[in-house]
C-alpha atoms as a PDB file:
ATOM      1  CA  MET A   1     -16.648  -6.838  -6.719  1.00  0.00           C
ATOM      2  CA  ASN A   2     -13.720  -4.324  -6.135  1.00  0.00           C
ATOM      3  CA  THR A   3     -14.348  -0.297  -6.171  1.00  0.00           C
ATOM      4  CA  PHE A   4     -11.241   1.966  -6.682  1.00  0.00           C
ATOM      5  CA  THR A   5     -10.999   5.435  -6.504  1.00  0.00           C
ATOM      6  CA  ILE A   6      -7.562   8.333  -7.162  1.00  0.00           C
ATOM      7  CA  ILE A   7      -6.469  10.745  -4.166  1.00  0.00           C
ATOM      8  CA  ASP A   8      -3.995  13.491  -4.389  1.00  0.00           C
ATOM      9  CA  SER A   9      -0.994  13.013  -1.955  1.00  0.00           C
ATOM     10  CA  PRO A  10       2.362  14.616  -1.502  1.00  0.00           C
ATOM     11  CA  ILE A  11       3.663  12.039  -3.503  1.00  0.00           C
ATOM     12  CA  GLY A  12       1.503  11.901  -6.223  1.00  0.00           C
ATOM     13  CA  GLY A  13      -1.916  10.393  -7.012  1.00  0.00           C
ATOM     14  CA  LEU A  14      -2.747   7.245  -4.838  1.00  0.00           C
ATOM     15  CA  VAL A  15      -4.953   5.083  -5.849  1.00  0.00           C
ATOM     16  CA  LEU A  16      -7.674   3.351  -2.897  1.00  0.00           C
ATOM     17  CA  VAL A  17      -8.709  -0.499  -3.733  1.00  0.00           C
ATOM     18  CA  ALA A  18     -12.138  -1.123  -1.593  1.00  0.00           C
ATOM     19  CA  ARG A  19     -13.787  -5.010  -1.389  1.00  0.00           C
ATOM     20  CA  ASN A  20     -17.296  -3.671   0.558  1.00  0.00           C
ATOM     21  CA  GLU A  21     -15.829  -3.121   3.804  1.00  0.00           C
ATOM     22  CA  LYS A  22     -12.136  -3.834   3.754  1.00  0.00           C
ATOM     23  CA  LEU A  23      -9.380  -2.016   2.273  1.00  0.00           C
ATOM     24  CA  VAL A  24      -7.722  -4.401  -0.441  1.00  0.00           C
ATOM     25  CA  GLY A  25      -5.258  -2.226  -2.397  1.00  0.00           C
ATOM     26  CA  VAL A  26      -2.953   0.805  -2.154  1.00  0.00           C
ATOM     27  CA  TYR A  27      -1.264   1.102  -5.475  1.00  0.00           C
ATOM     28  CA  HIS A  28       0.355   4.402  -6.834  1.00  0.00           C
ATOM     29  CA  GLU A  29      -1.176   6.154  -9.846  1.00  0.00           C
ATOM     30  CA  TYR A  30       2.268   5.270 -11.719  1.00  0.00           C
ATOM     31  CA  HIS A  31       2.769   2.115 -10.404  1.00  0.00           C
ATOM     32  CA  SER A  32       4.899  -0.427 -11.514  1.00  0.00           C
ATOM     33  CA  PRO A  33       4.090  -2.897 -12.159  1.00  0.00           C
ATOM     34  CA  GLU A  34       0.805  -1.533 -13.098  1.00  0.00           C
ATOM     35  CA  PRO A  35      -2.291  -3.658 -11.006  1.00  0.00           C
ATOM     36  CA  SER A  36      -4.129  -5.367 -13.203  1.00  0.00           C
ATOM     37  CA  PRO A  37      -7.604  -3.712 -13.873  1.00  0.00           C
ATOM     38  CA  VAL A  38      -9.501  -6.535 -12.406  1.00  0.00           C
ATOM     39  CA  LEU A  39      -7.977  -6.173  -9.111  1.00  0.00           C
ATOM     40  CA  LEU A  40      -9.145  -2.618  -9.345  1.00  0.00           C
ATOM     41  CA  GLY A  41     -12.653  -3.047 -10.276  1.00  0.00           C
ATOM     42  CA  LEU A  42     -15.257  -0.216 -10.977  1.00  0.00           C
ATOM     43  CA  PRO A  43     -14.211   3.681 -10.247  1.00  0.00           C
ATOM     44  CA  ILE A  44     -15.640   5.642  -7.798  1.00  0.00           C
ATOM     45  CA  GLU A  45     -15.262   8.831  -7.259  1.00  0.00           C
ATOM     46  CA  ALA A  46     -14.285   9.892  -3.957  1.00  0.00           C
ATOM     47  CA  ASP A  47     -16.045  13.339  -4.193  1.00  0.00           C
ATOM     48  CA  SER A  48     -19.589  12.310  -5.466  1.00  0.00           C
ATOM     49  CA  GLN A  49     -19.077   7.881  -4.179  1.00  0.00           C
ATOM     50  CA  GLN A  50     -20.744   7.413  -7.511  1.00  0.00           C
ATOM     51  CA  ILE A  51     -19.863   3.844  -9.040  1.00  0.00           C
ATOM     52  CA  PRO A  52     -20.767   3.739 -12.792  1.00  0.00           C
ATOM     53  CA  SER A  53     -23.640   1.370 -13.402  1.00  0.00           C
ATOM     54  CA  VAL A  54     -21.960  -1.908 -15.392  1.00  0.00           C
ATOM     55  CA  GLU A  55     -23.825  -5.186 -15.658  1.00  0.00           C
ATOM     56  CA  ASP A  56     -22.688  -8.556 -15.449  1.00  0.00           C
ATOM     57  CA  ALA A  57     -23.067 -11.477 -18.194  1.00  0.00           C
ATOM     58  CA  GLN A  58     -26.253 -11.844 -16.960  1.00  0.00           C
ATOM     59  CA  GLY A  59     -27.658  -8.073 -17.372  1.00  0.00           C
ATOM     60  CA  GLU A  60     -27.393  -8.074 -13.283  1.00  0.00           C
ATOM     61  CA  PRO A  61     -25.945  -5.145 -11.810  1.00  0.00           C
ATOM     62  CA  PRO A  62     -22.299  -6.242 -10.013  1.00  0.00           C
ATOM     63  CA  ALA A  63     -22.214  -7.046  -5.738  1.00  0.00           C
ATOM     64  CA  PHE A  64     -20.946  -3.885  -4.201  1.00  0.00           C
ATOM     65  CA  ASP A  65     -21.545  -2.183  -1.399  1.00  0.00           C
ATOM     66  CA  GLU A  66     -21.092   1.925  -1.994  1.00  0.00           C
ATOM     67  CA  GLU A  67     -21.946   3.034   1.110  1.00  0.00           C
ATOM     68  CA  ALA A  68     -18.921   0.287   2.765  1.00  0.00           C
ATOM     69  CA  ALA A  69     -16.388   1.180  -0.188  1.00  0.00           C
ATOM     70  CA  ALA A  70     -16.991   5.554   0.807  1.00  0.00           C
ATOM     71  CA  GLU A  71     -16.330   4.496   4.183  1.00  0.00           C
ATOM     72  CA  VAL A  72     -13.155   2.918   3.497  1.00  0.00           C
ATOM     73  CA  PHE A  73     -11.793   5.481   1.170  1.00  0.00           C
ATOM     74  CA  ARG A  74     -12.969   8.284   3.620  1.00  0.00           C
ATOM     75  CA  ARG A  75     -11.262   5.824   6.113  1.00  0.00           C
ATOM     76  CA  THR A  76      -7.819   5.576   4.446  1.00  0.00           C
ATOM     77  CA  GLY A  77      -7.863   9.660   3.209  1.00  0.00           C
ATOM     78  CA  ASP A  78      -7.567  10.328   6.763  1.00  0.00           C
ATOM     79  CA  TRP A  79      -5.250   8.225   7.462  1.00  0.00           C
ATOM     80  CA  LEU A  80      -3.082   8.979   4.851  1.00  0.00           C
ATOM     81  CA  ARG A  81      -3.787  12.961   5.444  1.00  0.00           C
ATOM     82  CA  GLY A  82      -2.686  12.005   9.152  1.00  0.00           C
ATOM     83  CA  TYR A  83       0.955   9.973   7.801  1.00  0.00           C
ATOM     84  CA  PHE A  84       2.260  12.854   5.540  1.00  0.00           C
ATOM     85  CA  SER A  85       1.154  15.391   8.204  1.00  0.00           C
ATOM     86  CA  GLY A  86       3.364  13.295  10.338  1.00  0.00           C
ATOM     87  CA  ALA A  87       1.178  11.570  12.814  1.00  0.00           C
ATOM     88  CA  VAL A  88       1.871   8.403  13.275  1.00  0.00           C
ATOM     89  CA  ALA A  89      -1.528   6.378  13.418  1.00  0.00           C
ATOM     90  CA  ASP A  90      -2.118   2.085  13.443  1.00  0.00           C
ATOM     91  CA  PRO A  91      -3.237   1.503   9.876  1.00  0.00           C
ATOM     92  CA  VAL A  92      -6.576   1.410   8.154  1.00  0.00           C
ATOM     93  CA  PRO A  93      -7.928  -1.921   8.857  1.00  0.00           C
ATOM     94  CA  TYR A  94      -7.166  -4.007   5.493  1.00  0.00           C
ATOM     95  CA  ASP A  95      -7.774  -7.463   4.018  1.00  0.00           C
ATOM     96  CA  PRO A  96      -4.520  -9.751   4.197  1.00  0.00           C
ATOM     97  CA  PRO A  97      -3.810  -9.514   0.148  1.00  0.00           C
ATOM     98  CA  ALA A  98      -3.654 -12.541  -1.783  1.00  0.00           C
ATOM     99  CA  GLY A  99      -0.479 -14.157  -2.671  1.00  0.00           C
ATOM    100  CA  THR A 100       1.991 -16.737  -2.164  1.00  0.00           C
ATOM    101  CA  ASP A 101       2.884 -18.072   1.242  1.00  0.00           C
ATOM    102  CA  PHE A 102       6.122 -16.612   1.016  1.00  0.00           C
ATOM    103  CA  GLN A 103       4.615 -13.588  -0.086  1.00  0.00           C
ATOM    104  CA  ARG A 104       2.268 -13.182   2.685  1.00  0.00           C
ATOM    105  CA  THR A 105       5.230 -13.996   5.392  1.00  0.00           C
ATOM    106  CA  VAL A 106       7.017 -11.414   3.613  1.00  0.00           C
ATOM    107  CA  TRP A 107       4.371  -8.811   3.678  1.00  0.00           C
ATOM    108  CA  GLU A 108       3.429  -9.875   7.591  1.00  0.00           C
ATOM    109  CA  ALA A 109       8.059  -8.776   8.299  1.00  0.00           C
ATOM    110  CA  VAL A 110       7.461  -5.253   6.222  1.00  0.00           C
ATOM    111  CA  ALA A 111       3.950  -4.844   8.454  1.00  0.00           C
ATOM    112  CA  ASP A 112       6.608  -4.982  11.885  1.00  0.00           C
ATOM    113  CA  ILE A 113       9.100  -2.425  10.856  1.00  0.00           C
ATOM    114  CA  PRO A 114       7.984  -0.074  12.656  1.00  0.00           C
ATOM    115  CA  TYR A 115       8.048   3.712  11.601  1.00  0.00           C
ATOM    116  CA  GLY A 116      10.935   5.964  10.633  1.00  0.00           C
ATOM    117  CA  GLU A 117      13.036   2.695  10.825  1.00  0.00           C
ATOM    118  CA  THR A 118      14.303   0.276   7.591  1.00  0.00           C
ATOM    119  CA  ARG A 119      15.536  -3.152   7.120  1.00  0.00           C
ATOM    120  CA  THR A 120      17.863  -4.688   4.816  1.00  0.00           C
ATOM    121  CA  TYR A 121      16.001  -6.810   2.369  1.00  0.00           C
ATOM    122  CA  LYS A 122      18.359  -9.467   3.628  1.00  0.00           C
ATOM    123  CA  ASP A 123      17.405  -8.739   7.053  1.00  0.00           C
ATOM    124  CA  ILE A 124      14.232 -10.190   6.464  1.00  0.00           C
ATOM    125  CA  ALA A 125      15.551 -12.886   4.982  1.00  0.00           C
ATOM    126  CA  GLU A 126      17.582 -13.460   7.781  1.00  0.00           C
ATOM    127  CA  GLY A 127      14.488 -13.401   9.907  1.00  0.00           C
ATOM    128  CA  LEU A 128      12.465 -15.818   7.228  1.00  0.00           C
ATOM    129  CA  GLY A 129      15.846 -18.438   7.672  1.00  0.00           C
ATOM    130  CA  ASN A 130      17.631 -17.657   5.274  1.00  0.00           C
ATOM    131  CA  VAL A 131      20.018 -15.263   4.630  1.00  0.00           C
ATOM    132  CA  LEU A 132      20.869 -15.999   0.859  1.00  0.00           C
ATOM    133  CA  MET A 133      17.102 -15.061  -0.236  1.00  0.00           C
ATOM    134  CA  GLY A 134      16.793 -11.814  -0.323  1.00  0.00           C
ATOM    135  CA  ARG A 135      16.128 -11.095  -4.323  1.00  0.00           C
ATOM    136  CA  ALA A 136      13.277 -13.421  -3.794  1.00  0.00           C
ATOM    137  CA  VAL A 137      12.502 -10.925  -0.497  1.00  0.00           C
ATOM    138  CA  GLY A 138      13.186  -7.821  -2.932  1.00  0.00           C
ATOM    139  CA  ALA A 139      10.254  -9.741  -5.607  1.00  0.00           C
ATOM    140  CA  ALA A 140       7.693  -9.938  -2.680  1.00  0.00           C
ATOM    141  CA  VAL A 141       8.198  -6.841  -1.488  1.00  0.00           C
ATOM    142  CA  ARG A 142       7.968  -5.078  -5.116  1.00  0.00           C
ATOM    143  CA  ALA A 143       4.096  -7.433  -5.634  1.00  0.00           C
ATOM    144  CA  ASN A 144       2.786  -5.657  -2.315  1.00  0.00           C
ATOM    145  CA  PRO A 145      -0.748  -4.801  -2.954  1.00  0.00           C
ATOM    146  CA  LEU A 146      -1.233  -2.149   0.056  1.00  0.00           C
ATOM    147  CA  SER A 147       2.056   0.599  -0.765  1.00  0.00           C
ATOM    148  CA  LEU A 148       1.915   2.586   3.095  1.00  0.00           C
ATOM    149  CA  ILE A 149       0.217   0.485   4.601  1.00  0.00           C
ATOM    150  CA  ILE A 150       2.998  -2.139   4.424  1.00  0.00           C
ATOM    151  CA  PRO A 151       5.215  -0.371   4.358  1.00  0.00           C
ATOM    152  CA  GLY A 152       7.663  -1.828   1.504  1.00  0.00           C
ATOM    153  CA  HIS A 153       9.497   1.889   1.311  1.00  0.00           C
ATOM    154  CA  ARG A 154      11.518   0.792   4.306  1.00  0.00           C
ATOM    155  CA  VAL A 155      12.878  -1.972   3.038  1.00  0.00           C
ATOM    156  CA  VAL A 156      16.362  -0.903   1.887  1.00  0.00           C
ATOM    157  CA  GLY A 157      19.273  -2.152   0.283  1.00  0.00           C
ATOM    158  CA  ALA A 158      22.307  -3.392   1.786  1.00  0.00           C
ATOM    159  CA  GLY A 159      24.267  -0.705   3.799  1.00  0.00           C
ATOM    160  CA  GLY A 160      21.461   1.129   3.633  1.00  0.00           C
ATOM    161  CA  ALA A 161      20.664   1.906  -0.179  1.00  0.00           C
ATOM    162  CA  ILE A 162      17.669   3.329  -1.454  1.00  0.00           C
ATOM    163  CA  THR A 163      16.831   0.549  -4.048  1.00  0.00           C
ATOM    164  CA  GLY A 164      13.824  -0.058  -6.179  1.00  0.00           C
ATOM    165  CA  TYR A 165      10.241   1.248  -5.362  1.00  0.00           C
ATOM    166  CA  ALA A 166       6.732   0.727  -7.228  1.00  0.00           C
ATOM    167  CA  ALA A 167       6.810   4.614  -7.829  1.00  0.00           C
ATOM    168  CA  GLY A 168      10.383   5.100  -8.149  1.00  0.00           C
ATOM    169  CA  VAL A 169      13.343   5.736  -6.070  1.00  0.00           C
ATOM    170  CA  ALA A 170      12.674   9.541  -5.625  1.00  0.00           C
ATOM    171  CA  VAL A 171       9.058   8.736  -4.110  1.00  0.00           C
ATOM    172  CA  LYS A 172      10.870   6.175  -1.648  1.00  0.00           C
ATOM    173  CA  ARG A 173      13.331   8.640  -0.345  1.00  0.00           C
ATOM    174  CA  ALA A 174      10.749  11.291   0.056  1.00  0.00           C
ATOM    175  CA  LEU A 175       8.630   8.814   2.323  1.00  0.00           C
ATOM    176  CA  LEU A 176      12.029   7.591   4.494  1.00  0.00           C
ATOM    177  CA  GLU A 177      13.136  11.664   4.360  1.00  0.00           C
ATOM    178  CA  LEU A 178       9.679  12.043   5.872  1.00  0.00           C
ATOM    179  CA  GLU A 179       9.587   9.450   8.415  1.00  0.00           C
ATOM    180  CA  ALA A 180      12.823  10.186   9.217  1.00  0.00           C
ATOM    181  CA  ALA A 181      12.073  14.215   9.738  1.00  0.00           C
ATOM    182  CA  VAL A 182       8.811  13.226  12.296  1.00  0.00           C
ATOM    183  CA  THR A 183      10.878  10.644  14.160  1.00  0.00           C
ATOM    184  CA  ALA A 184      13.980  13.386  14.751  1.00  0.00           C
ATOM    185  CA  GLY A 185      11.104  15.952  15.631  1.00  0.00           C
ATOM    186  CA  ALA A 186       9.527  13.336  18.124  1.00  0.00           C
ATOM    187  CA  ALA A 187      12.333  12.803  19.368  1.00  0.00           C
ATOM    188  CA  ALA A 188      13.926  16.407  20.280  1.00  0.00           C
END
């Protein structure tokens, strides 16, 4: 069973979703499209680590590992604090997202984009063998359930145009500017 919590960040609330000891989702609080409540699961308070009691149809509490979920939220929160303060670190362990074979292939390509760099939708399509599937790449990036961890914000339009993002273009621009500043500072 999935559990979720919402944490604050410089770009607004982030919804972290865990399934036992693995991260399975990072969504913006005002994510578009909004994730299904089924994907989120039960809420867990980040501070209290309390999960409300909910019973399934047989009267049994749903299966979850509260301590494992709390640890996932702690590790992810630490990673996000580092990310926003400019500390580049390997992402937290996550379960490969469920999706079509094509979506998973696109997400793997996006996950390989280095910090502070961008690729165009066309670049990714070309890397996948068909330069004409840029729109399909865009749709797959939009369906990414692990924002920031699989860095869809690093995928831009032709000529570097900042287009479409689950939390809006302003958030995408802010993330790209943060990474550019950190990269420039490291080079100096």
